[in-house]
Amino acid sequence: MEKSDKRIINVKCGKCGKLISEDVYEFEGVKLCEDCYMDEVIASQPKKCVMK
């Protein structure tokens, strides 16, 4: 089985607008650069209450 290549050339990030020439990530249907993707994944994690 071959590895799928997720590289797409000349796509704009749906969050910051930067031109993506390397790996393109998708989060909730939006194509994102790696930095914005990581920001969105971290922000979407459930928060734990530290006052327990």
C-alpha atoms as a PDB file:
ATOM      1  CA  MET A   1       0.000   0.000   0.000  1.00  0.00           C
ATOM      2  CA  GLU A   2       1.379   3.409  -0.937  1.00  0.00           C
ATOM      3  CA  LYS A   3       1.550   6.335   1.408  1.00  0.00           C
ATOM      4  CA  SER A   4      -0.859   9.088   0.439  1.00  0.00           C
ATOM      5  CA  ASP A   5       0.910  12.349  -0.291  1.00  0.00           C
ATOM      6  CA  LYS A   6      -0.861  15.325   1.269  1.00  0.00           C
ATOM      7  CA  ARG A   7       1.334  17.890  -0.488  1.00  0.00           C
ATOM      8  CA  ILE A   8      -0.557  20.417  -2.565  1.00  0.00           C
ATOM      9  CA  ILE A   9       1.227  23.314  -4.202  1.00  0.00           C
ATOM     10  CA  ASN A  10       0.021  26.936  -4.105  1.00  0.00           C
ATOM     11  CA  VAL A  11      -2.902  26.760  -1.685  1.00  0.00           C
ATOM     12  CA  LYS A  12      -3.720  29.666   0.637  1.00  0.00           C
ATOM     13  CA  CYS A  13      -4.255  29.032   4.336  1.00  0.00           C
ATOM     14  CA  GLY A  14      -7.903  29.603   5.229  1.00  0.00           C
ATOM     15  CA  LYS A  15      -6.946  31.330   8.488  1.00  0.00           C
ATOM     16  CA  CYS A  16      -3.819  33.442   7.930  1.00  0.00           C
ATOM     17  CA  GLY A  17      -3.861  33.639   4.118  1.00  0.00           C
ATOM     18  CA  LYS A  18      -0.243  32.497   3.793  1.00  0.00           C
ATOM     19  CA  LEU A  19       0.590  30.640   0.588  1.00  0.00           C
ATOM     20  CA  ILE A  20       1.198  26.977   1.465  1.00  0.00           C
ATOM     21  CA  SER A  21       3.797  25.208  -0.640  1.00  0.00           C
ATOM     22  CA  GLU A  22       4.379  22.292   1.717  1.00  0.00           C
ATOM     23  CA  ASP A  23       1.979  20.141   3.747  1.00  0.00           C
ATOM     24  CA  VAL A  24      -1.655  21.245   3.689  1.00  0.00           C
ATOM     25  CA  TYR A  25      -3.815  20.320   6.659  1.00  0.00           C
ATOM     26  CA  GLU A  26      -7.586  20.362   6.889  1.00  0.00           C
ATOM     27  CA  PHE A  27      -9.549  21.194  10.043  1.00  0.00           C
ATOM     28  CA  GLU A  28     -13.348  21.421  10.029  1.00  0.00           C
ATOM     29  CA  GLY A  29     -13.327  21.685   6.229  1.00  0.00           C
ATOM     30  CA  VAL A  30     -10.793  24.536   6.074  1.00  0.00           C
ATOM     31  CA  LYS A  31      -7.367  24.113   4.484  1.00  0.00           C
ATOM     32  CA  LEU A  32      -4.673  25.354   6.877  1.00  0.00           C
ATOM     33  CA  CYS A  33      -0.901  25.726   7.085  1.00  0.00           C
ATOM     34  CA  GLU A  34       0.847  23.672   9.771  1.00  0.00           C
ATOM     35  CA  ASP A  35       1.040  26.547  12.296  1.00  0.00           C
ATOM     36  CA  CYS A  36      -2.657  27.428  12.040  1.00  0.00           C
ATOM     37  CA  TYR A  37      -3.631  23.752  12.112  1.00  0.00           C
ATOM     38  CA  MET A  38      -1.722  23.207  15.360  1.00  0.00           C
ATOM     39  CA  ASP A  39      -3.307  26.355  16.853  1.00  0.00           C
ATOM     40  CA  GLU A  40      -6.801  25.117  15.945  1.00  0.00           C
ATOM     41  CA  VAL A  41      -6.194  21.601  17.298  1.00  0.00           C
ATOM     42  CA  ILE A  42      -4.884  22.947  20.611  1.00  0.00           C
ATOM     43  CA  ALA A  43      -7.735  25.473  20.901  1.00  0.00           C
ATOM     44  CA  SER A  44     -10.351  22.774  20.246  1.00  0.00           C
ATOM     45  CA  GLN A  45      -9.209  20.553  23.141  1.00  0.00           C
ATOM     46  CA  PRO A  46     -11.581  20.438  26.111  1.00  0.00           C
ATOM     47  CA  LYS A  47     -10.426  22.545  29.054  1.00  0.00           C
ATOM     48  CA  LYS A  48      -9.968  20.916  32.453  1.00  0.00           C
ATOM     49  CA  CYS A  49     -10.999  22.792  35.546  1.00  0.00           C
ATOM     50  CA  VAL A  50      -8.040  23.349  37.846  1.00  0.00           C
ATOM     51  CA  MET A  51     -10.318  24.252  40.794  1.00  0.00           C
ATOM     52  CA  LYS A  52     -11.398  20.671  41.578  1.00  0.00           C
END
